[in-house]
Amino acid sequence: MKPNLPILFAVSACCILAIGGATAGCGASSGARSATVTAAAQMPAQAAAPASAAKSLFDGKSLKGWKDSNFAGGGEVRVEPDFKGQGPVIWIDAGQSLSGITFTNPVPKTDFEITVEALKIQGNDFFVGLTFPVGAAHATLVLGGWGGATTGISSIDGQDASENDTTKFLTYEKNKWYRIRMKVTAKKLETWLNDEKIVNQDISDRRISMRFGEIENSIPLGIATYQTTTVIRKVEIKPTQ
């Protein structure tokens, strides 16, 4: 038996209108469905509903929502209102070891994506150590550790960013902006650096944890540096579902 294509189209259109807030239900009679389709054809086309928008975690004026991570010997953290004519940034001065900021508001535990735009002013170690939740655990994305090139996630099955499957050795130039995207789901960790994918780690049967030490001050979400001065111009988070 051939399907009744007009009726199928009417049912589909009805469902779409119901989702958009129309009062006609998908259980209406075929006559009502046809009338709904006719009315819809007379309505101007509407843009599709936008995906979940990213939420900015930096207001460009203050450290509202953030606090100094209180690392021993940490450098000063402040807002620069206009960095080299490029707008406001969060300035993280190099410290004796770690320096950084920690977010003070709730963040999702999974199914989210964080975007950070950062620039290294000076220093020879990691200019971004992005700590983030992974379910009930936390991990840190390290960019430029162990002398300036080591890149990866600490820790996976107890192994640091310098010794697990995510380890890479990349060059990070001073005075150059880098865009970092970190995506977290229950099954995978993914990272893009200036739109190039650098981490694609399945975590279904892996143990995720923080490296032991002061970096734990970055929980639940933080940005740290090691003996390096960094500026941050963007921090955004959005759901992936």
C-alpha atoms as a PDB file:
ATOM      1  CA  MET A   1       0.000   0.000   0.000  1.00  0.00           C
ATOM      2  CA  LYS A   2       1.488   3.370  -0.976  1.00  0.00           C
ATOM      3  CA  PRO A   3       1.806   5.935   1.843  1.00  0.00           C
ATOM      4  CA  ASN A   4      -0.494   8.912   1.746  1.00  0.00           C
ATOM      5  CA  LEU A   5       2.230  11.545   1.191  1.00  0.00           C
ATOM      6  CA  PRO A   6       0.013  14.651   1.743  1.00  0.00           C
ATOM      7  CA  ILE A   7      -1.147  13.292   5.103  1.00  0.00           C
ATOM      8  CA  LEU A   8       2.435  12.456   6.178  1.00  0.00           C
ATOM      9  CA  PHE A   9       3.527  15.952   5.255  1.00  0.00           C
ATOM     10  CA  ALA A  10       0.642  17.471   7.187  1.00  0.00           C
ATOM     11  CA  VAL A  11       1.468  15.409  10.306  1.00  0.00           C
ATOM     12  CA  SER A  12       5.128  16.411  10.102  1.00  0.00           C
ATOM     13  CA  ALA A  13       4.270  20.081   9.695  1.00  0.00           C
ATOM     14  CA  CYS A  14       1.864  19.889  12.588  1.00  0.00           C
ATOM     15  CA  CYS A  15       4.528  18.457  14.881  1.00  0.00           C
ATOM     16  CA  ILE A  16       6.936  21.196  13.903  1.00  0.00           C
ATOM     17  CA  LEU A  17       4.355  23.874  14.683  1.00  0.00           C
ATOM     18  CA  ALA A  18       3.575  22.256  18.008  1.00  0.00           C
ATOM     19  CA  ILE A  19       7.228  22.432  19.001  1.00  0.00           C
ATOM     20  CA  GLY A  20       7.317  26.095  17.991  1.00  0.00           C
ATOM     21  CA  GLY A  21       4.405  26.860  20.325  1.00  0.00           C
ATOM     22  CA  ALA A  22       1.344  26.519  17.993  1.00  0.00           C
ATOM     23  CA  THR A  23      -1.856  25.344  19.669  1.00  0.00           C
ATOM     24  CA  ALA A  24      -2.760  22.708  17.069  1.00  0.00           C
ATOM     25  CA  GLY A  25      -1.808  19.231  18.301  1.00  0.00           C
ATOM     26  CA  CYS A  26      -0.488  16.301  16.317  1.00  0.00           C
ATOM     27  CA  GLY A  27      -3.567  14.324  17.236  1.00  0.00           C
ATOM     28  CA  ALA A  28      -5.874  16.631  15.254  1.00  0.00           C
ATOM     29  CA  SER A  29      -8.075  15.272  12.461  1.00  0.00           C
ATOM     30  CA  SER A  30      -6.784  15.108   8.877  1.00  0.00           C
ATOM     31  CA  GLY A  31      -8.957  18.128   7.986  1.00  0.00           C
ATOM     32  CA  ALA A  32      -7.472  20.138  10.831  1.00  0.00           C
ATOM     33  CA  ARG A  33      -4.011  19.038   9.781  1.00  0.00           C
ATOM     34  CA  SER A  34      -4.630  20.221   6.215  1.00  0.00           C
ATOM     35  CA  ALA A  35      -5.852  23.572   7.494  1.00  0.00           C
ATOM     36  CA  THR A  36      -2.733  23.850   9.665  1.00  0.00           C
ATOM     37  CA  VAL A  37      -0.494  23.184   6.685  1.00  0.00           C
ATOM     38  CA  THR A  38      -2.337  25.819   4.630  1.00  0.00           C
ATOM     39  CA  ALA A  39      -1.968  28.378   7.418  1.00  0.00           C
ATOM     40  CA  ALA A  40       1.697  27.523   7.803  1.00  0.00           C
ATOM     41  CA  ALA A  41       2.250  28.044   4.083  1.00  0.00           C
ATOM     42  CA  GLN A  42       0.888  31.576   4.423  1.00  0.00           C
ATOM     43  CA  MET A  43       3.180  32.431   7.355  1.00  0.00           C
ATOM     44  CA  PRO A  44       6.607  33.962   6.704  1.00  0.00           C
ATOM     45  CA  ALA A  45       9.534  31.591   7.081  1.00  0.00           C
ATOM     46  CA  GLN A  46      11.161  31.675  10.508  1.00  0.00           C
ATOM     47  CA  ALA A  47      14.798  31.034  11.328  1.00  0.00           C
ATOM     48  CA  ALA A  48      15.613  27.789  13.072  1.00  0.00           C
ATOM     49  CA  ALA A  49      15.978  27.978  16.841  1.00  0.00           C
ATOM     50  CA  PRO A  50      19.571  28.889  17.733  1.00  0.00           C
ATOM     51  CA  ALA A  51      21.816  26.372  19.458  1.00  0.00           C
ATOM     52  CA  SER A  52      22.502  26.884  23.135  1.00  0.00           C
ATOM     53  CA  ALA A  53      24.440  30.116  23.401  1.00  0.00           C
ATOM     54  CA  ALA A  54      27.839  30.310  25.038  1.00  0.00           C
ATOM     55  CA  LYS A  55      27.980  32.118  28.374  1.00  0.00           C
ATOM     56  CA  SER A  56      30.862  34.529  28.925  1.00  0.00           C
ATOM     57  CA  LEU A  57      32.645  34.090  32.263  1.00  0.00           C
ATOM     58  CA  PHE A  58      34.610  37.356  31.933  1.00  0.00           C
ATOM     59  CA  ASP A  59      32.662  40.610  31.964  1.00  0.00           C
ATOM     60  CA  GLY A  60      35.584  42.680  30.649  1.00  0.00           C
ATOM     61  CA  LYS A  61      35.491  44.970  33.690  1.00  0.00           C
ATOM     62  CA  SER A  62      36.268  42.930  36.789  1.00  0.00           C
ATOM     63  CA  LEU A  63      37.072  39.504  38.192  1.00  0.00           C
ATOM     64  CA  LYS A  64      33.439  39.017  39.180  1.00  0.00           C
ATOM     65  CA  GLY A  65      32.835  35.279  39.532  1.00  0.00           C
ATOM     66  CA  TRP A  66      36.561  34.581  39.990  1.00  0.00           C
ATOM     67  CA  LYS A  67      39.068  34.611  42.829  1.00  0.00           C
ATOM     68  CA  ASP A  68      42.839  34.425  43.098  1.00  0.00           C
ATOM     69  CA  SER A  69      43.748  30.733  43.327  1.00  0.00           C
ATOM     70  CA  ASN A  70      45.966  31.555  46.307  1.00  0.00           C
ATOM     71  CA  PHE A  71      48.993  29.598  45.167  1.00  0.00           C
ATOM     72  CA  ALA A  72      52.044  30.023  47.386  1.00  0.00           C
ATOM     73  CA  GLY A  73      54.222  32.711  45.792  1.00  0.00           C
ATOM     74  CA  GLY A  74      51.662  33.295  43.051  1.00  0.00           C
ATOM     75  CA  GLY A  75      51.844  36.392  40.862  1.00  0.00           C
ATOM     76  CA  GLU A  76      49.330  39.214  40.861  1.00  0.00           C
ATOM     77  CA  VAL A  77      46.016  38.737  39.062  1.00  0.00           C
ATOM     78  CA  ARG A  78      44.189  41.789  37.737  1.00  0.00           C
ATOM     79  CA  VAL A  79      42.060  43.161  34.906  1.00  0.00           C
ATOM     80  CA  GLU A  80      43.777  45.315  32.296  1.00  0.00           C
ATOM     81  CA  PRO A  81      41.098  47.537  30.695  1.00  0.00           C
ATOM     82  CA  ASP A  82      42.835  47.860  27.327  1.00  0.00           C
ATOM     83  CA  PHE A  83      45.672  45.496  26.464  1.00  0.00           C
ATOM     84  CA  LYS A  84      47.713  46.966  23.579  1.00  0.00           C
ATOM     85  CA  GLY A  85      44.582  48.525  22.138  1.00  0.00           C
ATOM     86  CA  GLN A  86      42.904  45.104  21.912  1.00  0.00           C
ATOM     87  CA  GLY A  87      40.384  45.448  24.708  1.00  0.00           C
ATOM     88  CA  PRO A  88      40.167  44.164  28.288  1.00  0.00           C
ATOM     89  CA  VAL A  89      42.057  41.110  29.527  1.00  0.00           C
ATOM     90  CA  ILE A  90      42.685  39.172  32.702  1.00  0.00           C
ATOM     91  CA  TRP A  91      46.389  39.562  33.489  1.00  0.00           C
ATOM     92  CA  ILE A  92      48.090  36.690  35.369  1.00  0.00           C
ATOM     93  CA  ASP A  93      51.608  37.608  36.470  1.00  0.00           C
ATOM     94  CA  ALA A  94      54.338  34.982  36.681  1.00  0.00           C
ATOM     95  CA  GLY A  95      54.893  33.699  40.204  1.00  0.00           C
ATOM     96  CA  GLN A  96      57.508  31.625  41.974  1.00  0.00           C
ATOM     97  CA  SER A  97      55.657  28.572  40.689  1.00  0.00           C
ATOM     98  CA  LEU A  98      51.896  28.609  40.030  1.00  0.00           C
ATOM     99  CA  SER A  99      49.685  31.662  39.542  1.00  0.00           C
ATOM    100  CA  GLY A 100      46.055  31.745  38.528  1.00  0.00           C
ATOM    101  CA  ILE A 101      42.349  32.269  39.023  1.00  0.00           C
ATOM    102  CA  THR A 102      39.533  29.959  40.119  1.00  0.00           C
ATOM    103  CA  PHE A 103      35.865  30.287  39.151  1.00  0.00           C
ATOM    104  CA  THR A 104      33.559  30.633  42.155  1.00  0.00           C
ATOM    105  CA  ASN A 105      30.184  29.778  40.616  1.00  0.00           C
ATOM    106  CA  PRO A 106      28.721  26.342  39.788  1.00  0.00           C
ATOM    107  CA  VAL A 107      29.765  24.721  36.520  1.00  0.00           C
ATOM    108  CA  PRO A 108      28.466  21.633  34.685  1.00  0.00           C
ATOM    109  CA  LYS A 109      30.133  18.314  35.369  1.00  0.00           C
ATOM    110  CA  THR A 110      29.821  16.914  31.854  1.00  0.00           C
ATOM    111  CA  ASP A 111      28.470  17.652  28.361  1.00  0.00           C
ATOM    112  CA  PHE A 112      29.978  21.116  28.067  1.00  0.00           C
ATOM    113  CA  GLU A 113      32.593  23.008  26.098  1.00  0.00           C
ATOM    114  CA  ILE A 114      34.942  25.710  27.380  1.00  0.00           C
ATOM    115  CA  THR A 115      36.637  28.241  25.110  1.00  0.00           C
ATOM    116  CA  VAL A 116      39.622  30.276  26.287  1.00  0.00           C
ATOM    117  CA  GLU A 117      41.658  32.794  24.309  1.00  0.00           C
ATOM    118  CA  ALA A 118      45.107  33.329  25.824  1.00  0.00           C
ATOM    119  CA  LEU A 119      48.429  34.963  25.009  1.00  0.00           C
ATOM    120  CA  LYS A 120      51.831  34.318  26.622  1.00  0.00           C
ATOM    121  CA  ILE A 121      53.743  37.450  27.591  1.00  0.00           C
ATOM    122  CA  GLN A 122      56.874  35.832  28.978  1.00  0.00           C
ATOM    123  CA  GLY A 123      58.025  32.600  30.600  1.00  0.00           C
ATOM    124  CA  ASN A 124      59.229  29.147  29.641  1.00  0.00           C
ATOM    125  CA  ASP A 125      56.628  26.851  31.106  1.00  0.00           C
ATOM    126  CA  PHE A 126      52.897  26.361  30.722  1.00  0.00           C
ATOM    127  CA  PHE A 127      50.963  29.513  29.953  1.00  0.00           C
ATOM    128  CA  VAL A 128      47.577  27.789  30.325  1.00  0.00           C
ATOM    129  CA  GLY A 129      46.671  25.090  32.799  1.00  0.00           C
ATOM    130  CA  LEU A 130      42.910  24.774  32.380  1.00  0.00           C
ATOM    131  CA  THR A 131      41.300  22.768  35.173  1.00  0.00           C
ATOM    132  CA  PHE A 132      37.772  21.493  34.517  1.00  0.00           C
ATOM    133  CA  PRO A 133      35.235  18.930  35.819  1.00  0.00           C
ATOM    134  CA  VAL A 134      34.962  15.436  34.354  1.00  0.00           C
ATOM    135  CA  GLY A 135      31.926  13.968  36.064  1.00  0.00           C
ATOM    136  CA  ALA A 136      32.771  13.664  39.759  1.00  0.00           C
ATOM    137  CA  ALA A 137      36.491  14.120  39.023  1.00  0.00           C
ATOM    138  CA  HIS A 138      38.622  16.948  37.616  1.00  0.00           C
ATOM    139  CA  ALA A 139      41.517  17.203  35.185  1.00  0.00           C
ATOM    140  CA  THR A 140      43.876  19.866  33.843  1.00  0.00           C
ATOM    141  CA  LEU A 141      44.699  20.648  30.224  1.00  0.00           C
ATOM    142  CA  VAL A 142      48.355  21.717  30.171  1.00  0.00           C
ATOM    143  CA  LEU A 143      49.675  23.856  27.310  1.00  0.00           C
ATOM    144  CA  GLY A 144      53.451  24.272  27.271  1.00  0.00           C
ATOM    145  CA  GLY A 145      54.530  22.483  30.436  1.00  0.00           C
ATOM    146  CA  TRP A 146      57.826  20.840  31.320  1.00  0.00           C
ATOM    147  CA  GLY A 147      59.955  23.502  29.662  1.00  0.00           C
ATOM    148  CA  GLY A 148      57.468  25.096  27.288  1.00  0.00           C
ATOM    149  CA  ALA A 149      56.292  22.455  24.797  1.00  0.00           C
ATOM    150  CA  THR A 150      54.562  19.583  26.596  1.00  0.00           C
ATOM    151  CA  THR A 151      50.833  19.502  25.934  1.00  0.00           C
ATOM    152  CA  GLY A 152      48.270  17.074  27.324  1.00  0.00           C
ATOM    153  CA  ILE A 153      45.819  16.273  30.096  1.00  0.00           C
ATOM    154  CA  SER A 154      46.726  15.530  33.700  1.00  0.00           C
ATOM    155  CA  SER A 155      45.930  12.959  34.799  1.00  0.00           C
ATOM    156  CA  ILE A 156      44.712   9.822  33.055  1.00  0.00           C
ATOM    157  CA  ASP A 157      45.113   6.537  34.931  1.00  0.00           C
ATOM    158  CA  GLY A 158      47.489   8.392  37.244  1.00  0.00           C
ATOM    159  CA  GLN A 159      49.762   9.535  34.411  1.00  0.00           C
ATOM    160  CA  ASP A 160      50.565  13.215  33.868  1.00  0.00           C
ATOM    161  CA  ALA A 161      50.199  15.234  30.684  1.00  0.00           C
ATOM    162  CA  SER A 162      53.834  14.406  29.961  1.00  0.00           C
ATOM    163  CA  GLU A 163      53.345  10.643  29.911  1.00  0.00           C
ATOM    164  CA  ASN A 164      49.893   9.547  28.735  1.00  0.00           C
ATOM    165  CA  ASP A 165      48.063   9.084  25.434  1.00  0.00           C
ATOM    166  CA  THR A 166      47.282  12.819  25.145  1.00  0.00           C
ATOM    167  CA  THR A 167      50.935  13.909  25.262  1.00  0.00           C
ATOM    168  CA  LYS A 168      52.141  16.150  22.451  1.00  0.00           C
ATOM    169  CA  PHE A 169      55.033  18.582  22.043  1.00  0.00           C
ATOM    170  CA  LEU A 170      53.965  21.882  20.516  1.00  0.00           C
ATOM    171  CA  THR A 171      55.517  25.317  20.129  1.00  0.00           C
ATOM    172  CA  TYR A 172      53.779  28.268  21.778  1.00  0.00           C
ATOM    173  CA  GLU A 173      54.985  31.651  20.602  1.00  0.00           C
ATOM    174  CA  LYS A 174      55.022  34.703  22.812  1.00  0.00           C
ATOM    175  CA  ASN A 175      52.670  37.592  21.986  1.00  0.00           C
ATOM    176  CA  LYS A 176      50.427  35.360  19.891  1.00  0.00           C
ATOM    177  CA  TRP A 177      46.768  34.671  20.650  1.00  0.00           C
ATOM    178  CA  TYR A 178      45.724  31.038  20.979  1.00  0.00           C
ATOM    179  CA  ARG A 179      42.137  29.835  20.972  1.00  0.00           C
ATOM    180  CA  ILE A 180      41.602  26.743  23.109  1.00  0.00           C
ATOM    181  CA  ARG A 181      38.392  24.687  23.100  1.00  0.00           C
ATOM    182  CA  MET A 182      37.964  21.911  25.637  1.00  0.00           C
ATOM    183  CA  LYS A 183      34.964  19.599  25.193  1.00  0.00           C
ATOM    184  CA  VAL A 184      33.923  17.184  27.927  1.00  0.00           C
ATOM    185  CA  THR A 185      31.434  14.331  27.647  1.00  0.00           C
ATOM    186  CA  ALA A 186      30.960  11.151  29.643  1.00  0.00           C
ATOM    187  CA  LYS A 187      32.905   9.165  27.051  1.00  0.00           C
ATOM    188  CA  LYS A 188      35.478  11.545  25.610  1.00  0.00           C
ATOM    189  CA  LEU A 189      37.770  14.515  26.131  1.00  0.00           C
ATOM    190  CA  GLU A 190      38.462  16.632  23.038  1.00  0.00           C
ATOM    191  CA  THR A 191      40.656  19.689  22.601  1.00  0.00           C
ATOM    192  CA  TRP A 192      41.169  22.087  19.699  1.00  0.00           C
ATOM    193  CA  LEU A 193      43.993  24.600  19.458  1.00  0.00           C
ATOM    194  CA  ASN A 194      43.219  27.307  16.899  1.00  0.00           C
ATOM    195  CA  ASP A 195      40.731  24.839  15.338  1.00  0.00           C
ATOM    196  CA  GLU A 196      43.296  22.026  15.080  1.00  0.00           C
ATOM    197  CA  LYS A 197      42.268  18.989  17.101  1.00  0.00           C
ATOM    198  CA  ILE A 198      45.070  18.040  19.484  1.00  0.00           C
ATOM    199  CA  VAL A 199      43.283  15.753  21.968  1.00  0.00           C
ATOM    200  CA  ASN A 200      40.773  13.023  21.148  1.00  0.00           C
ATOM    201  CA  GLN A 201      40.789  10.835  24.239  1.00  0.00           C
ATOM    202  CA  ASP A 202      38.288   8.074  24.998  1.00  0.00           C
ATOM    203  CA  ILE A 203      37.732   7.978  28.762  1.00  0.00           C
ATOM    204  CA  SER A 204      35.058   5.275  28.979  1.00  0.00           C
ATOM    205  CA  ASP A 205      37.282   2.944  31.018  1.00  0.00           C
ATOM    206  CA  ARG A 206      39.933   5.404  32.191  1.00  0.00           C
ATOM    207  CA  ARG A 207      40.551   6.950  35.599  1.00  0.00           C
ATOM    208  CA  ILE A 208      40.560  10.748  35.535  1.00  0.00           C
ATOM    209  CA  SER A 209      42.193  12.696  38.349  1.00  0.00           C
ATOM    210  CA  MET A 210      44.093  15.850  39.244  1.00  0.00           C
ATOM    211  CA  ARG A 211      47.846  15.966  39.591  1.00  0.00           C
ATOM    212  CA  PHE A 212      48.591  16.047  43.306  1.00  0.00           C
ATOM    213  CA  GLY A 213      49.547  19.430  44.729  1.00  0.00           C
ATOM    214  CA  GLU A 214      48.517  23.080  44.723  1.00  0.00           C
ATOM    215  CA  ILE A 215      46.931  22.828  41.287  1.00  0.00           C
ATOM    216  CA  GLU A 216      43.937  21.412  43.164  1.00  0.00           C
ATOM    217  CA  ASN A 217      43.222  25.036  44.184  1.00  0.00           C
ATOM    218  CA  SER A 218      41.897  25.443  40.624  1.00  0.00           C
ATOM    219  CA  ILE A 219      38.916  23.122  41.258  1.00  0.00           C
ATOM    220  CA  PRO A 220      36.194  23.208  39.940  1.00  0.00           C
ATOM    221  CA  LEU A 221      37.271  25.481  37.069  1.00  0.00           C
ATOM    222  CA  GLY A 222      40.466  27.445  36.900  1.00  0.00           C
ATOM    223  CA  ILE A 223      43.227  28.869  34.752  1.00  0.00           C
ATOM    224  CA  ALA A 224      46.780  28.594  36.028  1.00  0.00           C
ATOM    225  CA  THR A 225      50.270  29.381  34.743  1.00  0.00           C
ATOM    226  CA  TYR A 226      53.713  28.212  35.864  1.00  0.00           C
ATOM    227  CA  GLN A 227      56.435  30.853  36.148  1.00  0.00           C
ATOM    228  CA  THR A 228      54.806  32.464  33.128  1.00  0.00           C
ATOM    229  CA  THR A 229      52.850  35.677  32.543  1.00  0.00           C
ATOM    230  CA  THR A 230      49.648  35.216  30.544  1.00  0.00           C
ATOM    231  CA  VAL A 231      46.703  37.355  29.518  1.00  0.00           C
ATOM    232  CA  ILE A 232      43.191  36.009  28.914  1.00  0.00           C
ATOM    233  CA  ARG A 233      40.686  37.885  26.777  1.00  0.00           C
ATOM    234  CA  LYS A 234      37.878  35.335  26.567  1.00  0.00           C
ATOM    235  CA  VAL A 235      36.454  32.581  28.768  1.00  0.00           C
ATOM    236  CA  GLU A 236      33.174  31.038  27.622  1.00  0.00           C
ATOM    237  CA  ILE A 237      31.232  27.909  28.472  1.00  0.00           C
ATOM    238  CA  LYS A 238      28.283  26.276  26.748  1.00  0.00           C
ATOM    239  CA  PRO A 239      26.355  22.999  26.964  1.00  0.00           C
ATOM    240  CA  THR A 240      26.875  20.449  24.205  1.00  0.00           C
ATOM    241  CA  GLN A 241      23.420  18.860  24.498  1.00  0.00           C
END
